[in-house]
């Protein structure tokens, strides 16, 4: 039995090392604490497995019948052992429960000095809005070392905001607000996923959390987002605006092929038949109405489709119109 101790020691260390390797990077202290609980559960489970299965194999071999004449041994119960194998797992369970409750409470106890950001889930993109009025799609910029509280809702179906590096996840519910907080310990970019199946393009619904210094964050927050379009003509601005707003999650922008919704490439002047029996042409008024009131006129080809309200201003709408016009046949 003593010869097996080094083997089991190596097995435990190998499993724990693999678990550490397989886990996402740790973006903050909370992630390290969650991983510690995970490692403890993994060790306890592995130890229990070895103890039960190893003990079973040992006793099967030790007390196996040697001959056909071997009688059935008399086996009695042992009160002490029966108490221990019930009470020790109970203590472990209560310890894990207390540890898990501590982490859960920590995740739900929002710091009073947290910087608040509004997050909106929609098929199939994430929009973020700051109190200064600054908005972004697909990227949330936050300062390092400062608690961030997300106030979240959905404009269509159930989503789930998940940042693996921070070990946090929260459902985003239409018609209600949910909240989540984190504090990043180091600068960098961290992936955001939707962890709740929300439709055909669910797998493309991701964003990034960009953690920067306080100085860089303040500069970004105060900057005019329209400066990103300097040097571009109106059509190029329209393409950039649509990509920034996440329109490419549902529509092809640079080729004439349907995705979840119709392609926006070369569609200016195209005819549309609507579910109410009327028809029309894709012109400036139709494009603007489709952006401002997405479901006012539904094409018969996309009768069951749902387009969400995209946060764009009139200037950006004019750019989008110019891009669609520029790709259409003359």
C-alpha atoms as a PDB file:
ATOM      1  CA  UNK A   1       0.000   0.000   0.000  1.00  0.00           C
ATOM      2  CA  UNK A   2       2.889   2.346   0.748  1.00  0.00           C
ATOM      3  CA  UNK A   3       4.047   1.966  -2.859  1.00  0.00           C
ATOM      4  CA  UNK A   4       0.740   3.403  -4.054  1.00  0.00           C
ATOM      5  CA  UNK A   5       1.112   6.669  -2.108  1.00  0.00           C
ATOM      6  CA  UNK A   6       3.588   8.248  -4.571  1.00  0.00           C
ATOM      7  CA  UNK A   7       1.321   7.187  -7.437  1.00  0.00           C
ATOM      8  CA  UNK A   8      -1.750   8.839  -5.936  1.00  0.00           C
ATOM      9  CA  UNK A   9       0.263  11.950  -5.030  1.00  0.00           C
ATOM     10  CA  UNK A  10       1.403  12.259  -8.629  1.00  0.00           C
ATOM     11  CA  UNK A  11      -2.160  11.629  -9.865  1.00  0.00           C
ATOM     12  CA  UNK A  12      -3.609  14.388  -7.672  1.00  0.00           C
ATOM     13  CA  UNK A  13      -0.956  16.911  -8.681  1.00  0.00           C
ATOM     14  CA  UNK A  14      -1.363  16.048 -12.374  1.00  0.00           C
ATOM     15  CA  UNK A  15      -5.146  16.478 -12.293  1.00  0.00           C
ATOM     16  CA  UNK A  16      -4.891  19.815 -10.472  1.00  0.00           C
ATOM     17  CA  UNK A  17      -2.193  21.030 -12.865  1.00  0.00           C
ATOM     18  CA  UNK A  18      -4.340  20.081 -15.859  1.00  0.00           C
ATOM     19  CA  UNK A  19      -7.358  21.833 -14.330  1.00  0.00           C
ATOM     20  CA  UNK A  20      -5.315  25.018 -13.883  1.00  0.00           C
ATOM     21  CA  UNK A  21      -4.118  24.762 -17.483  1.00  0.00           C
ATOM     22  CA  UNK A  22      -7.606  24.169 -18.868  1.00  0.00           C
ATOM     23  CA  UNK A  23      -9.239  27.097 -17.059  1.00  0.00           C
ATOM     24  CA  UNK A  24      -9.473  30.553 -18.707  1.00  0.00           C
ATOM     25  CA  UNK A  25      -7.013  33.231 -17.630  1.00  0.00           C
ATOM     26  CA  UNK A  26      -7.703  34.950 -14.326  1.00  0.00           C
ATOM     27  CA  UNK A  27      -8.600  38.593 -14.893  1.00  0.00           C
ATOM     28  CA  UNK A  28      -9.109  39.508 -11.237  1.00  0.00           C
ATOM     29  CA  UNK A  29      -8.913  38.272  -7.643  1.00  0.00           C
ATOM     30  CA  UNK A  30     -12.472  36.966  -7.691  1.00  0.00           C
ATOM     31  CA  UNK A  31     -11.558  34.596 -10.526  1.00  0.00           C
ATOM     32  CA  UNK A  32      -8.692  33.216  -8.412  1.00  0.00           C
ATOM     33  CA  UNK A  33     -11.067  32.631  -5.493  1.00  0.00           C
ATOM     34  CA  UNK A  34     -13.570  30.810  -7.710  1.00  0.00           C
ATOM     35  CA  UNK A  35     -10.758  28.646  -9.091  1.00  0.00           C
ATOM     36  CA  UNK A  36      -9.669  27.791  -5.544  1.00  0.00           C
ATOM     37  CA  UNK A  37     -13.146  26.464  -4.762  1.00  0.00           C
ATOM     38  CA  UNK A  38     -13.164  24.569  -8.042  1.00  0.00           C
ATOM     39  CA  UNK A  39      -9.766  23.051  -7.247  1.00  0.00           C
ATOM     40  CA  UNK A  40     -10.954  22.004  -3.788  1.00  0.00           C
ATOM     41  CA  UNK A  41     -14.031  20.292  -5.239  1.00  0.00           C
ATOM     42  CA  UNK A  42     -11.878  18.564  -7.832  1.00  0.00           C
ATOM     43  CA  UNK A  43      -9.477  17.262  -5.178  1.00  0.00           C
ATOM     44  CA  UNK A  44     -12.265  16.048  -2.894  1.00  0.00           C
ATOM     45  CA  UNK A  45     -14.033  14.325  -5.793  1.00  0.00           C
ATOM     46  CA  UNK A  46     -10.844  12.643  -6.951  1.00  0.00           C
ATOM     47  CA  UNK A  47      -9.972  11.533  -3.413  1.00  0.00           C
ATOM     48  CA  UNK A  48     -13.481  10.141  -2.908  1.00  0.00           C
ATOM     49  CA  UNK A  49     -13.308   8.315  -6.215  1.00  0.00           C
ATOM     50  CA  UNK A  50      -9.965   6.718  -5.366  1.00  0.00           C
ATOM     51  CA  UNK A  51     -11.110   5.848  -1.834  1.00  0.00           C
ATOM     52  CA  UNK A  52     -14.373   4.220  -2.905  1.00  0.00           C
ATOM     53  CA  UNK A  53     -13.251   2.497  -6.112  1.00  0.00           C
ATOM     54  CA  UNK A  54      -9.826   1.630  -4.694  1.00  0.00           C
ATOM     55  CA  UNK A  55     -11.385   0.216  -1.524  1.00  0.00           C
ATOM     56  CA  UNK A  56     -13.886  -1.783  -3.534  1.00  0.00           C
ATOM     57  CA  UNK A  57     -11.156  -3.325  -5.702  1.00  0.00           C
ATOM     58  CA  UNK A  58      -9.004  -4.040  -2.639  1.00  0.00           C
ATOM     59  CA  UNK A  59     -11.771  -5.895  -0.798  1.00  0.00           C
ATOM     60  CA  UNK A  60     -12.864  -7.763  -3.926  1.00  0.00           C
ATOM     61  CA  UNK A  61      -9.348  -9.107  -4.336  1.00  0.00           C
ATOM     62  CA  UNK A  62      -8.677  -9.712  -0.647  1.00  0.00           C
ATOM     63  CA  UNK A  63     -11.907 -11.552   0.140  1.00  0.00           C
ATOM     64  CA  UNK A  64     -12.655 -13.231  -3.137  1.00  0.00           C
ATOM     65  CA  UNK A  65     -13.766 -16.854  -2.936  1.00  0.00           C
ATOM     66  CA  UNK A  66     -10.756 -19.170  -3.192  1.00  0.00           C
ATOM     67  CA  UNK A  67     -12.635 -22.428  -3.675  1.00  0.00           C
ATOM     68  CA  UNK A  68     -16.185 -23.590  -4.234  1.00  0.00           C
ATOM     69  CA  UNK A  69     -16.337 -24.748  -0.633  1.00  0.00           C
ATOM     70  CA  UNK A  70     -15.645 -21.332   0.854  1.00  0.00           C
ATOM     71  CA  UNK A  71     -18.505 -20.275   3.031  1.00  0.00           C
ATOM     72  CA  UNK A  72     -20.024 -16.812   3.079  1.00  0.00           C
ATOM     73  CA  UNK A  73     -18.246 -14.806   5.812  1.00  0.00           C
ATOM     74  CA  UNK A  74     -20.342 -13.301   8.568  1.00  0.00           C
ATOM     75  CA  UNK A  75     -20.314  -9.507   8.185  1.00  0.00           C
ATOM     76  CA  UNK A  76     -21.647  -7.267  10.917  1.00  0.00           C
ATOM     77  CA  UNK A  77     -22.111  -3.513  10.995  1.00  0.00           C
ATOM     78  CA  UNK A  78     -19.802  -1.028  12.707  1.00  0.00           C
ATOM     79  CA  UNK A  79     -21.498   1.964  14.305  1.00  0.00           C
ATOM     80  CA  UNK A  80     -18.329   4.087  14.364  1.00  0.00           C
ATOM     81  CA  UNK A  81     -17.561   3.582  10.668  1.00  0.00           C
ATOM     82  CA  UNK A  82     -21.167   4.140   9.659  1.00  0.00           C
ATOM     83  CA  UNK A  83     -21.207   7.410  11.576  1.00  0.00           C
ATOM     84  CA  UNK A  84     -17.903   8.593  10.131  1.00  0.00           C
ATOM     85  CA  UNK A  85     -18.693   7.898   6.483  1.00  0.00           C
ATOM     86  CA  UNK A  86     -21.905   9.876   6.900  1.00  0.00           C
ATOM     87  CA  UNK A  87     -20.695  12.701   9.138  1.00  0.00           C
ATOM     88  CA  UNK A  88     -17.412  13.490   7.330  1.00  0.00           C
ATOM     89  CA  UNK A  89     -19.127  14.016   3.926  1.00  0.00           C
ATOM     90  CA  UNK A  90     -21.713  16.166   5.712  1.00  0.00           C
ATOM     91  CA  UNK A  91     -18.951  18.387   7.135  1.00  0.00           C
ATOM     92  CA  UNK A  92     -17.327  18.673   3.699  1.00  0.00           C
ATOM     93  CA  UNK A  93     -20.681  19.540   2.129  1.00  0.00           C
ATOM     94  CA  UNK A  94     -21.361  22.278   4.686  1.00  0.00           C
ATOM     95  CA  UNK A  95     -17.857  23.662   4.238  1.00  0.00           C
ATOM     96  CA  UNK A  96     -18.327  23.839   0.452  1.00  0.00           C
ATOM     97  CA  UNK A  97     -21.775  25.402   0.909  1.00  0.00           C
ATOM     98  CA  UNK A  98     -20.361  28.142   3.153  1.00  0.00           C
ATOM     99  CA  UNK A  99     -17.487  28.779   0.736  1.00  0.00           C
ATOM    100  CA  UNK A 100     -19.853  28.954  -2.241  1.00  0.00           C
ATOM    101  CA  UNK A 101     -22.264  31.249  -0.395  1.00  0.00           C
ATOM    102  CA  UNK A 102     -19.395  33.605   0.439  1.00  0.00           C
ATOM    103  CA  UNK A 103     -18.454  33.862  -3.255  1.00  0.00           C
ATOM    104  CA  UNK A 104     -22.085  34.280  -4.300  1.00  0.00           C
ATOM    105  CA  UNK A 105     -22.619  37.070  -1.763  1.00  0.00           C
ATOM    106  CA  UNK A 106     -19.387  38.708  -2.868  1.00  0.00           C
ATOM    107  CA  UNK A 107     -20.619  38.694  -6.482  1.00  0.00           C
ATOM    108  CA  UNK A 108     -23.956  40.279  -5.488  1.00  0.00           C
ATOM    109  CA  UNK A 109     -22.672  42.876  -2.988  1.00  0.00           C
ATOM    110  CA  UNK A 110     -22.235  45.852  -5.301  1.00  0.00           C
ATOM    111  CA  UNK A 111     -19.655  48.407  -4.094  1.00  0.00           C
ATOM    112  CA  UNK A 112     -21.087  51.860  -3.433  1.00  0.00           C
ATOM    113  CA  UNK A 113     -18.312  53.544  -5.409  1.00  0.00           C
ATOM    114  CA  UNK A 114     -18.800  51.341  -8.489  1.00  0.00           C
ATOM    115  CA  UNK A 115     -18.743  52.990 -11.905  1.00  0.00           C
ATOM    116  CA  UNK A 116     -22.056  52.205 -13.604  1.00  0.00           C
ATOM    117  CA  UNK A 117     -22.416  51.148 -17.228  1.00  0.00           C
ATOM    118  CA  UNK A 118     -25.694  50.230 -18.928  1.00  0.00           C
ATOM    119  CA  UNK A 119     -25.530  47.085 -21.063  1.00  0.00           C
ATOM    120  CA  UNK A 120     -28.182  46.131 -23.612  1.00  0.00           C
ATOM    121  CA  UNK A 121     -28.461  42.697 -25.177  1.00  0.00           C
ATOM    122  CA  UNK A 122     -30.082  42.276 -28.577  1.00  0.00           C
ATOM    123  CA  UNK A 123     -30.026  39.737 -31.367  1.00  0.00           C
ATOM    124  CA  UNK A 124     -27.097  39.511 -31.818  1.00  0.00           C
ATOM    125  CA  UNK A 125     -24.858  42.167 -30.274  1.00  0.00           C
ATOM    126  CA  UNK A 126     -24.069  43.973 -27.013  1.00  0.00           C
ATOM    127  CA  UNK A 127     -24.516  47.739 -26.660  1.00  0.00           C
ATOM    128  CA  UNK A 128     -23.001  49.773 -23.829  1.00  0.00           C
ATOM    129  CA  UNK A 129     -23.985  53.242 -22.626  1.00  0.00           C
ATOM    130  CA  UNK A 130     -22.158  55.488 -20.152  1.00  0.00           C
ATOM    131  CA  UNK A 131     -23.575  58.283 -18.008  1.00  0.00           C
ATOM    132  CA  UNK A 132     -21.647  60.828 -20.058  1.00  0.00           C
ATOM    133  CA  UNK A 133     -23.761  59.799 -23.060  1.00  0.00           C
ATOM    134  CA  UNK A 134     -20.945  57.888 -24.754  1.00  0.00           C
ATOM    135  CA  UNK A 135     -22.145  54.689 -26.407  1.00  0.00           C
ATOM    136  CA  UNK A 136     -20.350  51.735 -27.929  1.00  0.00           C
ATOM    137  CA  UNK A 137     -21.271  48.433 -29.537  1.00  0.00           C
ATOM    138  CA  UNK A 138     -19.219  45.279 -29.199  1.00  0.00           C
ATOM    139  CA  UNK A 139     -16.634  46.836 -26.896  1.00  0.00           C
ATOM    140  CA  UNK A 140     -16.889  48.039 -23.305  1.00  0.00           C
ATOM    141  CA  UNK A 141     -13.987  50.210 -22.156  1.00  0.00           C
ATOM    142  CA  UNK A 142     -13.369  50.354 -18.379  1.00  0.00           C
ATOM    143  CA  UNK A 143     -10.558  51.586 -16.104  1.00  0.00           C
ATOM    144  CA  UNK A 144      -8.267  49.113 -14.349  1.00  0.00           C
ATOM    145  CA  UNK A 145      -8.564  48.719 -10.576  1.00  0.00           C
ATOM    146  CA  UNK A 146     -12.043  50.277 -10.339  1.00  0.00           C
ATOM    147  CA  UNK A 147     -15.272  48.354  -9.573  1.00  0.00           C
ATOM    148  CA  UNK A 148     -17.675  48.349 -12.516  1.00  0.00           C
ATOM    149  CA  UNK A 149     -21.398  47.746 -12.071  1.00  0.00           C
ATOM    150  CA  UNK A 150     -23.375  46.653 -15.120  1.00  0.00           C
ATOM    151  CA  UNK A 151     -27.093  47.444 -15.282  1.00  0.00           C
ATOM    152  CA  UNK A 152     -28.454  45.129 -17.957  1.00  0.00           C
ATOM    153  CA  UNK A 153     -31.604  44.459 -19.926  1.00  0.00           C
ATOM    154  CA  UNK A 154     -32.612  42.886 -23.229  1.00  0.00           C
ATOM    155  CA  UNK A 155     -34.643  44.353 -26.059  1.00  0.00           C
ATOM    156  CA  UNK A 156     -35.861  41.020 -27.418  1.00  0.00           C
ATOM    157  CA  UNK A 157     -35.161  37.568 -25.926  1.00  0.00           C
ATOM    158  CA  UNK A 158     -33.293  36.084 -22.987  1.00  0.00           C
ATOM    159  CA  UNK A 159     -29.506  36.542 -23.153  1.00  0.00           C
ATOM    160  CA  UNK A 160     -26.721  35.873 -20.654  1.00  0.00           C
ATOM    161  CA  UNK A 161     -23.692  38.121 -20.146  1.00  0.00           C
ATOM    162  CA  UNK A 162     -20.608  35.976 -19.501  1.00  0.00           C
ATOM    163  CA  UNK A 163     -16.954  37.027 -19.000  1.00  0.00           C
ATOM    164  CA  UNK A 164     -14.921  33.813 -18.479  1.00  0.00           C
ATOM    165  CA  UNK A 165     -11.772  35.634 -17.328  1.00  0.00           C
ATOM    166  CA  UNK A 166     -13.698  37.221 -14.440  1.00  0.00           C
ATOM    167  CA  UNK A 167     -15.770  34.076 -13.687  1.00  0.00           C
ATOM    168  CA  UNK A 168     -19.016  36.059 -13.758  1.00  0.00           C
ATOM    169  CA  UNK A 169     -22.276  35.420 -15.606  1.00  0.00           C
ATOM    170  CA  UNK A 170     -25.738  36.931 -15.352  1.00  0.00           C
ATOM    171  CA  UNK A 171     -28.953  36.438 -17.324  1.00  0.00           C
ATOM    172  CA  UNK A 172     -30.127  39.497 -19.264  1.00  0.00           C
ATOM    173  CA  UNK A 173     -33.924  39.525 -19.274  1.00  0.00           C
ATOM    174  CA  UNK A 174     -36.322  41.411 -21.578  1.00  0.00           C
ATOM    175  CA  UNK A 175     -38.593  43.767 -19.660  1.00  0.00           C
ATOM    176  CA  UNK A 176     -36.464  43.684 -16.492  1.00  0.00           C
ATOM    177  CA  UNK A 177     -33.131  44.883 -15.123  1.00  0.00           C
ATOM    178  CA  UNK A 178     -30.391  42.649 -13.742  1.00  0.00           C
ATOM    179  CA  UNK A 179     -26.998  43.692 -12.404  1.00  0.00           C
ATOM    180  CA  UNK A 180     -23.462  42.390 -12.248  1.00  0.00           C
ATOM    181  CA  UNK A 181     -20.146  43.800 -11.080  1.00  0.00           C
ATOM    182  CA  UNK A 182     -16.454  43.143 -11.494  1.00  0.00           C
ATOM    183  CA  UNK A 183     -13.090  44.773 -10.940  1.00  0.00           C
ATOM    184  CA  UNK A 184     -10.258  44.069 -13.373  1.00  0.00           C
ATOM    185  CA  UNK A 185      -6.766  43.832 -11.874  1.00  0.00           C
ATOM    186  CA  UNK A 186      -4.762  44.212 -15.064  1.00  0.00           C
ATOM    187  CA  UNK A 187      -5.059  45.935 -18.401  1.00  0.00           C
ATOM    188  CA  UNK A 188      -5.926  44.005 -21.524  1.00  0.00           C
ATOM    189  CA  UNK A 189      -8.865  42.705 -23.548  1.00  0.00           C
ATOM    190  CA  UNK A 190     -11.266  40.088 -22.213  1.00  0.00           C
ATOM    191  CA  UNK A 191     -13.867  38.183 -24.218  1.00  0.00           C
ATOM    192  CA  UNK A 192     -17.594  38.491 -23.563  1.00  0.00           C
ATOM    193  CA  UNK A 193     -20.010  35.757 -24.649  1.00  0.00           C
ATOM    194  CA  UNK A 194     -23.740  35.226 -24.611  1.00  0.00           C
ATOM    195  CA  UNK A 195     -24.229  32.070 -22.531  1.00  0.00           C
ATOM    196  CA  UNK A 196     -27.927  31.609 -23.299  1.00  0.00           C
ATOM    197  CA  UNK A 197     -29.061  30.321 -26.695  1.00  0.00           C
ATOM    198  CA  UNK A 198     -30.861  33.261 -28.268  1.00  0.00           C
ATOM    199  CA  UNK A 199     -31.376  32.388 -31.899  1.00  0.00           C
ATOM    200  CA  UNK A 200     -29.689  31.547 -35.165  1.00  0.00           C
ATOM    201  CA  UNK A 201     -26.620  33.779 -34.737  1.00  0.00           C
ATOM    202  CA  UNK A 202     -26.165  33.142 -31.012  1.00  0.00           C
ATOM    203  CA  UNK A 203     -22.596  31.937 -31.575  1.00  0.00           C
ATOM    204  CA  UNK A 204     -21.597  35.304 -33.057  1.00  0.00           C
ATOM    205  CA  UNK A 205     -22.964  37.364 -30.162  1.00  0.00           C
ATOM    206  CA  UNK A 206     -19.758  38.375 -28.466  1.00  0.00           C
ATOM    207  CA  UNK A 207     -18.008  41.534 -27.360  1.00  0.00           C
ATOM    208  CA  UNK A 208     -14.825  42.596 -25.601  1.00  0.00           C
ATOM    209  CA  UNK A 209     -14.062  44.279 -22.307  1.00  0.00           C
ATOM    210  CA  UNK A 210     -11.100  46.570 -22.867  1.00  0.00           C
ATOM    211  CA  UNK A 211      -9.381  47.419 -19.574  1.00  0.00           C
ATOM    212  CA  UNK A 212      -7.195  50.527 -19.742  1.00  0.00           C
ATOM    213  CA  UNK A 213      -5.517  52.961 -17.369  1.00  0.00           C
ATOM    214  CA  UNK A 214      -7.629  55.619 -15.649  1.00  0.00           C
ATOM    215  CA  UNK A 215      -6.047  58.347 -17.775  1.00  0.00           C
ATOM    216  CA  UNK A 216      -6.698  56.507 -21.035  1.00  0.00           C
ATOM    217  CA  UNK A 217     -10.264  55.749 -19.959  1.00  0.00           C
ATOM    218  CA  UNK A 218     -11.031  59.393 -19.168  1.00  0.00           C
ATOM    219  CA  UNK A 219      -9.605  60.417 -22.545  1.00  0.00           C
ATOM    220  CA  UNK A 220     -11.720  57.795 -24.310  1.00  0.00           C
ATOM    221  CA  UNK A 221     -14.861  58.757 -22.386  1.00  0.00           C
ATOM    222  CA  UNK A 222     -14.477  62.437 -23.245  1.00  0.00           C
ATOM    223  CA  UNK A 223     -13.543  61.867 -26.884  1.00  0.00           C
ATOM    224  CA  UNK A 224     -15.978  62.595 -29.691  1.00  0.00           C
ATOM    225  CA  UNK A 225     -16.847  59.213 -31.231  1.00  0.00           C
ATOM    226  CA  UNK A 226     -17.461  60.952 -34.567  1.00  0.00           C
ATOM    227  CA  UNK A 227     -13.715  61.637 -34.858  1.00  0.00           C
ATOM    228  CA  UNK A 228     -13.241  57.992 -35.785  1.00  0.00           C
ATOM    229  CA  UNK A 229     -14.875  58.817 -39.128  1.00  0.00           C
ATOM    230  CA  UNK A 230     -12.518  61.687 -40.039  1.00  0.00           C
ATOM    231  CA  UNK A 231     -10.963  61.235 -43.472  1.00  0.00           C
ATOM    232  CA  UNK A 232     -13.719  58.910 -44.728  1.00  0.00           C
ATOM    233  CA  UNK A 233     -16.293  59.729 -47.378  1.00  0.00           C
ATOM    234  CA  UNK A 234     -19.980  59.296 -46.536  1.00  0.00           C
ATOM    235  CA  UNK A 235     -20.275  55.802 -48.003  1.00  0.00           C
ATOM    236  CA  UNK A 236     -17.225  54.541 -46.099  1.00  0.00           C
ATOM    237  CA  UNK A 237     -18.596  56.155 -42.958  1.00  0.00           C
ATOM    238  CA  UNK A 238     -21.829  54.253 -43.495  1.00  0.00           C
ATOM    239  CA  UNK A 239     -20.018  50.901 -43.746  1.00  0.00           C
ATOM    240  CA  UNK A 240     -17.970  51.671 -40.642  1.00  0.00           C
ATOM    241  CA  UNK A 241     -21.059  52.790 -38.724  1.00  0.00           C
ATOM    242  CA  UNK A 242     -22.943  49.580 -39.559  1.00  0.00           C
ATOM    243  CA  UNK A 243     -20.031  47.419 -38.458  1.00  0.00           C
ATOM    244  CA  UNK A 244     -19.657  49.453 -35.266  1.00  0.00           C
ATOM    245  CA  UNK A 245     -23.364  49.085 -34.478  1.00  0.00           C
ATOM    246  CA  UNK A 246     -23.286  45.345 -35.087  1.00  0.00           C
ATOM    247  CA  UNK A 247     -25.469  45.307 -38.222  1.00  0.00           C
ATOM    248  CA  UNK A 248     -23.175  42.660 -39.724  1.00  0.00           C
ATOM    249  CA  UNK A 249     -24.452  40.169 -37.128  1.00  0.00           C
ATOM    250  CA  UNK A 250     -27.666  39.816 -39.165  1.00  0.00           C
ATOM    251  CA  UNK A 251     -26.921  41.334 -42.583  1.00  0.00           C
ATOM    252  CA  UNK A 252     -24.154  40.895 -45.098  1.00  0.00           C
ATOM    253  CA  UNK A 253     -22.765  44.354 -45.798  1.00  0.00           C
ATOM    254  CA  UNK A 254     -20.219  43.687 -48.530  1.00  0.00           C
ATOM    255  CA  UNK A 255     -21.821  40.979 -50.649  1.00  0.00           C
ATOM    256  CA  UNK A 256     -25.275  40.216 -51.993  1.00  0.00           C
ATOM    257  CA  UNK A 257     -26.208  37.180 -49.923  1.00  0.00           C
ATOM    258  CA  UNK A 258     -28.849  36.658 -47.266  1.00  0.00           C
ATOM    259  CA  UNK A 259     -27.817  35.997 -43.662  1.00  0.00           C
ATOM    260  CA  UNK A 260     -30.412  36.072 -40.868  1.00  0.00           C
ATOM    261  CA  UNK A 261     -31.777  39.177 -42.554  1.00  0.00           C
ATOM    262  CA  UNK A 262     -31.444  40.359 -46.159  1.00  0.00           C
ATOM    263  CA  UNK A 263     -28.153  41.612 -47.490  1.00  0.00           C
ATOM    264  CA  UNK A 264     -27.740  45.397 -47.416  1.00  0.00           C
ATOM    265  CA  UNK A 265     -25.319  45.321 -50.323  1.00  0.00           C
ATOM    266  CA  UNK A 266     -26.735  46.711 -53.540  1.00  0.00           C
ATOM    267  CA  UNK A 267     -30.323  46.891 -52.298  1.00  0.00           C
ATOM    268  CA  UNK A 268     -31.103  50.534 -53.087  1.00  0.00           C
ATOM    269  CA  UNK A 269     -33.947  50.654 -55.611  1.00  0.00           C
ATOM    270  CA  UNK A 270     -34.928  47.013 -55.051  1.00  0.00           C
ATOM    271  CA  UNK A 271     -38.616  46.141 -54.821  1.00  0.00           C
ATOM    272  CA  UNK A 272     -40.134  44.817 -51.597  1.00  0.00           C
ATOM    273  CA  UNK A 273     -43.436  43.002 -51.071  1.00  0.00           C
ATOM    274  CA  UNK A 274     -44.778  43.388 -47.541  1.00  0.00           C
ATOM    275  CA  UNK A 275     -46.860  41.028 -45.415  1.00  0.00           C
ATOM    276  CA  UNK A 276     -49.789  43.491 -45.348  1.00  0.00           C
ATOM    277  CA  UNK A 277     -50.156  43.096 -49.127  1.00  0.00           C
ATOM    278  CA  UNK A 278     -48.529  46.377 -50.075  1.00  0.00           C
ATOM    279  CA  UNK A 279     -45.234  46.839 -51.875  1.00  0.00           C
ATOM    280  CA  UNK A 280     -42.536  49.444 -52.087  1.00  0.00           C
ATOM    281  CA  UNK A 281     -39.058  50.358 -53.171  1.00  0.00           C
ATOM    282  CA  UNK A 282     -35.917  50.522 -51.069  1.00  0.00           C
ATOM    283  CA  UNK A 283     -35.253  54.276 -51.033  1.00  0.00           C
ATOM    284  CA  UNK A 284     -34.039  56.814 -48.475  1.00  0.00           C
ATOM    285  CA  UNK A 285     -37.379  56.954 -46.651  1.00  0.00           C
ATOM    286  CA  UNK A 286     -37.699  53.156 -46.492  1.00  0.00           C
ATOM    287  CA  UNK A 287     -34.166  52.700 -45.119  1.00  0.00           C
ATOM    288  CA  UNK A 288     -34.690  55.342 -42.448  1.00  0.00           C
ATOM    289  CA  UNK A 289     -38.056  53.857 -41.440  1.00  0.00           C
ATOM    290  CA  UNK A 290     -36.503  50.363 -41.241  1.00  0.00           C
ATOM    291  CA  UNK A 291     -33.873  51.688 -38.823  1.00  0.00           C
ATOM    292  CA  UNK A 292     -36.163  53.838 -36.696  1.00  0.00           C
ATOM    293  CA  UNK A 293     -39.184  51.502 -36.744  1.00  0.00           C
ATOM    294  CA  UNK A 294     -37.657  48.120 -37.603  1.00  0.00           C
ATOM    295  CA  UNK A 295     -40.883  46.115 -37.784  1.00  0.00           C
ATOM    296  CA  UNK A 296     -43.192  48.684 -39.356  1.00  0.00           C
ATOM    297  CA  UNK A 297     -42.980  47.011 -42.775  1.00  0.00           C
ATOM    298  CA  UNK A 298     -42.084  43.343 -42.931  1.00  0.00           C
ATOM    299  CA  UNK A 299     -40.984  41.769 -46.180  1.00  0.00           C
ATOM    300  CA  UNK A 300     -42.791  38.563 -47.122  1.00  0.00           C
ATOM    301  CA  UNK A 301     -39.382  36.908 -47.461  1.00  0.00           C
ATOM    302  CA  UNK A 302     -38.628  37.626 -43.774  1.00  0.00           C
ATOM    303  CA  UNK A 303     -42.099  37.509 -42.248  1.00  0.00           C
ATOM    304  CA  UNK A 304     -40.931  35.804 -39.053  1.00  0.00           C
ATOM    305  CA  UNK A 305     -37.790  37.883 -38.656  1.00  0.00           C
ATOM    306  CA  UNK A 306     -37.378  40.437 -35.881  1.00  0.00           C
ATOM    307  CA  UNK A 307     -35.101  43.447 -36.239  1.00  0.00           C
ATOM    308  CA  UNK A 308     -34.125  45.354 -33.122  1.00  0.00           C
ATOM    309  CA  UNK A 309     -33.987  49.088 -32.675  1.00  0.00           C
ATOM    310  CA  UNK A 310     -30.382  50.167 -33.301  1.00  0.00           C
ATOM    311  CA  UNK A 311     -29.058  53.272 -31.472  1.00  0.00           C
ATOM    312  CA  UNK A 312     -28.069  55.536 -34.383  1.00  0.00           C
ATOM    313  CA  UNK A 313     -28.489  59.251 -34.937  1.00  0.00           C
ATOM    314  CA  UNK A 314     -29.701  61.031 -38.060  1.00  0.00           C
ATOM    315  CA  UNK A 315     -26.171  61.734 -39.242  1.00  0.00           C
ATOM    316  CA  UNK A 316     -25.275  58.046 -39.083  1.00  0.00           C
ATOM    317  CA  UNK A 317     -28.497  57.103 -40.881  1.00  0.00           C
ATOM    318  CA  UNK A 318     -27.543  59.389 -43.764  1.00  0.00           C
ATOM    319  CA  UNK A 319     -24.148  57.659 -43.983  1.00  0.00           C
ATOM    320  CA  UNK A 320     -25.780  54.222 -44.038  1.00  0.00           C
ATOM    321  CA  UNK A 321     -28.083  55.330 -46.830  1.00  0.00           C
ATOM    322  CA  UNK A 322     -25.104  56.604 -48.842  1.00  0.00           C
ATOM    323  CA  UNK A 323     -23.263  53.307 -48.438  1.00  0.00           C
ATOM    324  CA  UNK A 324     -26.259  51.245 -49.605  1.00  0.00           C
ATOM    325  CA  UNK A 325     -26.696  53.599 -52.556  1.00  0.00           C
ATOM    326  CA  UNK A 326     -22.991  53.369 -53.442  1.00  0.00           C
ATOM    327  CA  UNK A 327     -23.140  49.561 -53.699  1.00  0.00           C
ATOM    328  CA  UNK A 328     -26.236  49.464 -55.885  1.00  0.00           C
ATOM    329  CA  UNK A 329     -26.167  49.118 -59.652  1.00  0.00           C
ATOM    330  CA  UNK A 330     -26.286  52.375 -61.472  1.00  0.00           C
END
